[in-house]
């Protein structure tokens, strides 16, 4: 089997790559999935929020493991508690606000690449305009 063919895999708990800007760890990304998807385990403190933004080249979704998120996607607003699955299609502005308790979620991006955005956010010299352009994400 060549290296560009997909293969099954299993990632053990807490064995992913640390991804501080995402609040957790990269479980699987582009190299392991031949660019098909990224999966990130993310934790956030109570009251955390992500401002309104658009992914121009990827769909994002997340499965809530703990906490309660108020999610805006386009004209819709969702209350997503533990056990909820949230789908955020590319090209549609979205944001979230975490409630009074810390949150944990599994973020999935299709195709892979969201992990590179978070890696670049962790770098010492982040230029937001260049970061948005490089990763096809626009903050509104």
Protein backbone atom coordinates (compact mmCIF):
# COMPACT_ATOMS: atom_id res chain seq x y z
CA UNK A 1 0.00 0.00 0.00
CA UNK A 2 1.46 3.40 -0.92
CA UNK A 3 1.70 6.29 1.54
CA UNK A 4 -1.07 8.23 -0.26
CA UNK A 5 -3.68 5.50 0.26
CA UNK A 6 -5.93 5.76 3.32
CA UNK A 7 -5.33 3.37 6.22
CA UNK A 8 -7.21 2.68 9.40
CA UNK A 9 -5.70 3.84 12.67
CA UNK A 10 -6.37 4.12 16.38
CA UNK A 11 -5.18 7.03 18.53
CA UNK A 12 -4.81 6.27 22.24
CA UNK A 13 -6.08 8.71 24.85
CA UNK A 14 -3.70 11.63 25.43
CA UNK A 15 -1.26 10.47 22.75
CA UNK A 16 -2.09 13.18 20.22
CA UNK A 17 0.04 16.17 19.31
CA UNK A 18 -0.38 19.10 21.73
CA UNK A 19 -2.26 21.96 20.05
CA UNK A 20 -2.38 24.77 22.64
CA UNK A 21 -4.21 27.32 20.46
CA UNK A 22 -7.06 24.80 20.12
CA UNK A 23 -7.05 24.13 23.85
CA UNK A 24 -6.07 20.52 23.54
CA UNK A 25 -4.55 18.01 21.20
CA UNK A 26 -4.61 16.97 17.58
CA UNK A 27 -5.84 13.39 17.44
CA UNK A 28 -5.49 12.96 13.69
CA UNK A 29 -4.70 15.29 10.80
CA UNK A 30 -3.84 15.51 7.16
CA UNK A 31 -0.84 13.16 7.03
CA UNK A 32 -2.68 10.32 8.79
CA UNK A 33 -5.93 10.69 6.79
CA UNK A 34 -4.45 11.53 3.37
CA UNK A 35 -5.92 15.02 3.79
CA UNK A 36 -9.48 13.82 4.37
CA UNK A 37 -10.15 15.11 7.90
CA UNK A 38 -8.76 16.53 11.12
CA UNK A 39 -9.94 15.61 14.62
CA UNK A 40 -9.02 17.77 17.60
CA UNK A 41 -9.89 17.21 21.28
CA UNK A 42 -10.45 20.67 22.73
CA UNK A 43 -11.07 21.99 26.24
CA UNK A 44 -12.09 25.54 27.12
CA UNK A 45 -12.73 27.51 30.31
CA UNK A 46 -16.22 28.65 31.27
CA UNK A 47 -17.30 31.70 29.27
CA UNK A 48 -14.88 31.05 26.41
CA UNK A 49 -15.96 32.28 22.99
CA UNK A 50 -14.90 32.18 19.36
CA UNK A 51 -15.84 35.26 17.30
CA UNK A 52 -17.88 35.16 14.11
CA UNK A 53 -15.81 33.70 11.27
CA UNK A 54 -16.11 31.80 8.00
CA UNK A 55 -14.21 28.74 6.77
CA UNK A 56 -14.02 29.09 3.00
CA UNK A 57 -12.61 25.64 2.19
CA UNK A 58 -13.73 23.27 4.95
CA UNK A 59 -16.74 22.10 6.91
CA UNK A 60 -16.36 22.11 10.67
CA UNK A 61 -18.35 20.14 13.19
CA UNK A 62 -18.01 19.26 16.81
CA UNK A 63 -19.37 16.78 19.30
CA UNK A 64 -19.90 18.28 22.75
CA UNK A 65 -18.40 16.14 25.53
CA UNK A 66 -18.98 18.60 28.39
CA UNK A 67 -20.35 22.10 28.91
CA UNK A 68 -23.04 24.03 27.09
CA UNK A 69 -22.30 26.00 23.93
CA UNK A 70 -24.48 28.65 22.33
CA UNK A 71 -23.65 28.36 18.64
CA UNK A 72 -24.59 30.82 15.91
CA UNK A 73 -24.44 29.55 12.33
CA UNK A 74 -25.80 31.89 9.69
CA UNK A 75 -29.29 32.93 10.82
CA UNK A 76 -29.62 30.01 13.26
CA UNK A 77 -28.71 29.75 16.94
CA UNK A 78 -28.33 26.40 18.71
CA UNK A 79 -27.93 25.40 22.34
CA UNK A 80 -25.53 22.45 22.34
CA UNK A 81 -24.95 20.51 25.55
CA UNK A 82 -23.10 17.27 26.23
CA UNK A 83 -24.04 14.70 23.60
CA UNK A 84 -24.92 17.31 20.96
CA UNK A 85 -23.41 17.25 17.48
CA UNK A 86 -22.98 20.58 15.69
CA UNK A 87 -22.40 20.91 11.93
CA UNK A 88 -21.01 24.19 10.53
CA UNK A 89 -20.86 24.18 6.71
CA UNK A 90 -18.12 26.00 4.80
CA UNK A 91 -19.04 29.48 3.64
CA UNK A 92 -21.51 30.10 6.49
CA UNK A 93 -20.45 32.52 9.27
CA UNK A 94 -20.43 30.92 12.72
CA UNK A 95 -19.39 31.62 16.30
CA UNK A 96 -19.85 30.12 19.75
CA UNK A 97 -20.05 31.12 23.40
CA UNK A 98 -19.46 28.62 26.20
CA UNK A 99 -21.72 28.83 29.27
CA UNK A 100 -20.93 28.84 33.00
CA UNK A 101 -19.02 25.57 33.05
CA UNK A 102 -15.80 24.47 31.32
CA UNK A 103 -16.31 22.75 27.99
CA UNK A 104 -14.83 19.83 26.09
CA UNK A 105 -15.49 18.94 22.49
CA UNK A 106 -14.25 16.83 19.64
CA UNK A 107 -13.74 19.08 16.60
CA UNK A 108 -13.78 17.51 13.15
CA UNK A 109 -12.83 19.43 10.00
CA UNK A 110 -13.31 18.11 6.46
CA UNK A 111 -11.01 18.19 4.59
CA UNK A 112 -7.99 18.18 6.92
CA UNK A 113 -6.04 21.36 7.58
CA UNK A 114 -7.62 23.09 10.57
CA UNK A 115 -4.73 21.81 12.67
CA UNK A 116 -2.34 23.96 10.60
CA UNK A 117 -4.34 27.08 11.45
CA UNK A 118 -3.99 26.30 15.17
CA UNK A 119 -0.28 25.47 14.80
CA UNK A 120 0.31 28.83 13.12
CA UNK A 121 -1.68 30.60 15.86
CA UNK A 122 0.77 29.11 18.37
CA UNK A 123 3.76 30.67 16.62
CA UNK A 124 5.47 33.66 18.21
CA UNK A 125 4.79 36.02 15.30
CA UNK A 126 1.15 35.82 14.25
CA UNK A 127 -0.10 38.25 11.61
CA UNK A 128 -3.88 37.81 11.67
CA UNK A 129 -4.41 39.03 8.09
CA UNK A 130 -1.78 36.66 6.72
CA UNK A 131 -3.09 33.81 8.90
CA UNK A 132 -6.63 34.27 7.58
CA UNK A 133 -5.43 34.36 3.97
CA UNK A 134 -3.17 31.32 4.33
CA UNK A 135 -5.92 29.17 5.89
CA UNK A 136 -8.99 30.51 4.00
CA UNK A 137 -10.67 31.64 7.23
CA UNK A 138 -12.12 35.12 7.60
CA UNK A 139 -12.93 36.68 10.97
CA UNK A 140 -15.84 39.08 10.69
